[in-house]
Amino acid sequence: MQALSFAIHIPLVCFGIAFPAIVLFCEWLWLRTGDPLYRTLAQRWSKVMIALSAAGVVTGTILSFEMGLLWPGFMARFGDVFGLGF
C-alpha cells in the first residue's frame, strides 16, 4: 500500500512544482500580448493546481503515517531527517 501512496504522491509533487511556473508564464504572456487565451489557460490551470495540491497534501499525510507505522525502527533513527519533508 505504501508503494501505491508513493506512486501517487511523487508525480503530484512534480506537477505541484511545475504548475505554478506554467501559470506564471501564462499570466506573463497574457500581460505581454493581451491575448485572452493565456488568461483563460492560467485560470483553468490554477484550478487544476489547487486540486493537485490538495491531493498531494492528502497523500503526503498518509505517507507520514505509513512511514511511522510500517518502519518504526527506521523512523526512530532517521525520523529527524525524513520528518522535515512532512
Protein backbone atom coordinates (compact mmCIF):
# COMPACT_ATOMS: atom_id res chain seq x y z
CA MET A 1 0.00 0.00 0.00
CA GLN A 2 2.87 2.34 0.72
CA ALA A 3 4.23 1.83 -2.79
CA LEU A 4 0.88 2.95 -4.18
CA SER A 5 0.97 6.03 -1.97
CA PHE A 6 4.47 6.87 -3.20
CA ALA A 7 3.47 6.18 -6.81
CA ILE A 8 0.65 8.69 -6.50
CA HIS A 9 2.45 11.24 -4.34
CA ILE A 10 5.68 11.64 -6.33
CA PRO A 11 4.03 12.71 -9.63
CA LEU A 12 1.77 15.06 -7.68
CA VAL A 13 4.83 16.70 -6.18
CA CYS A 14 6.39 17.08 -9.63
CA PHE A 15 3.26 18.66 -11.03
CA GLY A 16 2.89 20.78 -7.91
CA ILE A 17 6.31 22.25 -8.54
CA ALA A 18 5.81 22.75 -12.29
CA PHE A 19 2.27 24.14 -12.40
CA PRO A 20 2.98 27.47 -10.64
CA ALA A 21 5.72 28.19 -13.17
CA ILE A 22 3.38 27.36 -16.06
CA VAL A 23 0.60 29.53 -14.64
CA LEU A 24 3.04 32.39 -14.04
CA PHE A 25 4.30 32.08 -17.62
CA CYS A 26 0.73 32.17 -18.99
CA GLU A 27 -0.07 35.22 -16.87
CA TRP A 28 3.06 36.92 -18.16
CA LEU A 29 2.13 36.10 -21.76
CA TRP A 30 -1.35 37.49 -21.16
CA LEU A 31 0.06 40.74 -19.77
CA ARG A 32 2.56 40.98 -22.60
CA THR A 33 0.29 40.13 -25.54
CA GLY A 34 -3.18 40.88 -24.20
CA ASP A 35 -4.47 37.62 -25.70
CA PRO A 36 -7.37 36.37 -23.53
CA LEU A 37 -6.45 32.76 -24.33
CA TYR A 38 -3.46 32.98 -22.00
CA ARG A 39 -5.57 34.33 -19.16
CA THR A 40 -8.11 31.55 -19.65
CA LEU A 41 -5.32 28.96 -19.59
CA ALA A 42 -3.87 30.46 -16.42
CA GLN A 43 -7.26 30.46 -14.70
CA ARG A 44 -8.03 26.86 -15.65
CA TRP A 45 -4.58 25.60 -14.71
CA SER A 46 -4.84 27.43 -11.39
CA LYS A 47 -7.87 25.32 -10.54
CA VAL A 48 -6.02 22.16 -11.55
CA MET A 49 -3.05 23.28 -9.46
CA ILE A 50 -5.26 23.70 -6.38
CA ALA A 51 -6.76 20.23 -6.83
CA LEU A 52 -3.32 18.64 -7.27
CA SER A 53 -2.01 20.45 -4.21
CA ALA A 54 -4.91 19.18 -2.12
CA ALA A 55 -4.35 15.63 -3.34
CA GLY A 56 -0.63 15.98 -2.60
CA VAL A 57 -1.37 17.09 0.96
CA VAL A 58 -3.62 14.08 1.49
CA THR A 59 -1.15 11.56 0.08
CA GLY A 60 1.74 13.18 1.97
CA THR A 61 -0.15 12.92 5.24
CA ILE A 62 -0.94 9.28 4.55
CA LEU A 63 2.73 8.63 3.77
CA SER A 64 3.88 10.20 7.03
CA PHE A 65 1.62 7.84 8.98
CA GLU A 66 2.68 4.85 6.89
CA MET A 67 6.36 5.57 7.46
CA GLY A 68 5.83 5.68 11.22
CA LEU A 69 3.64 2.60 11.36
CA LEU A 70 5.43 0.34 8.90
CA TRP A 71 9.05 1.27 9.65
CA PRO A 72 9.17 2.37 13.30
CA GLY A 73 12.84 1.46 13.81
CA PHE A 74 13.92 3.32 10.71
CA MET A 75 11.87 6.37 11.63
CA ALA A 76 13.17 6.32 15.22
CA ARG A 77 16.70 6.53 13.89
CA PHE A 78 16.26 8.77 10.84
CA GLY A 79 12.92 10.42 11.55
CA ASP A 80 14.53 13.80 12.18
CA VAL A 81 15.85 13.80 8.64
CA PHE A 82 12.83 12.33 6.83
CA GLY A 83 10.33 14.14 9.03
CA LEU A 84 11.41 17.50 7.66
CA GLY A 85 9.61 16.80 4.39
CA PHE A 86 6.38 16.00 6.17
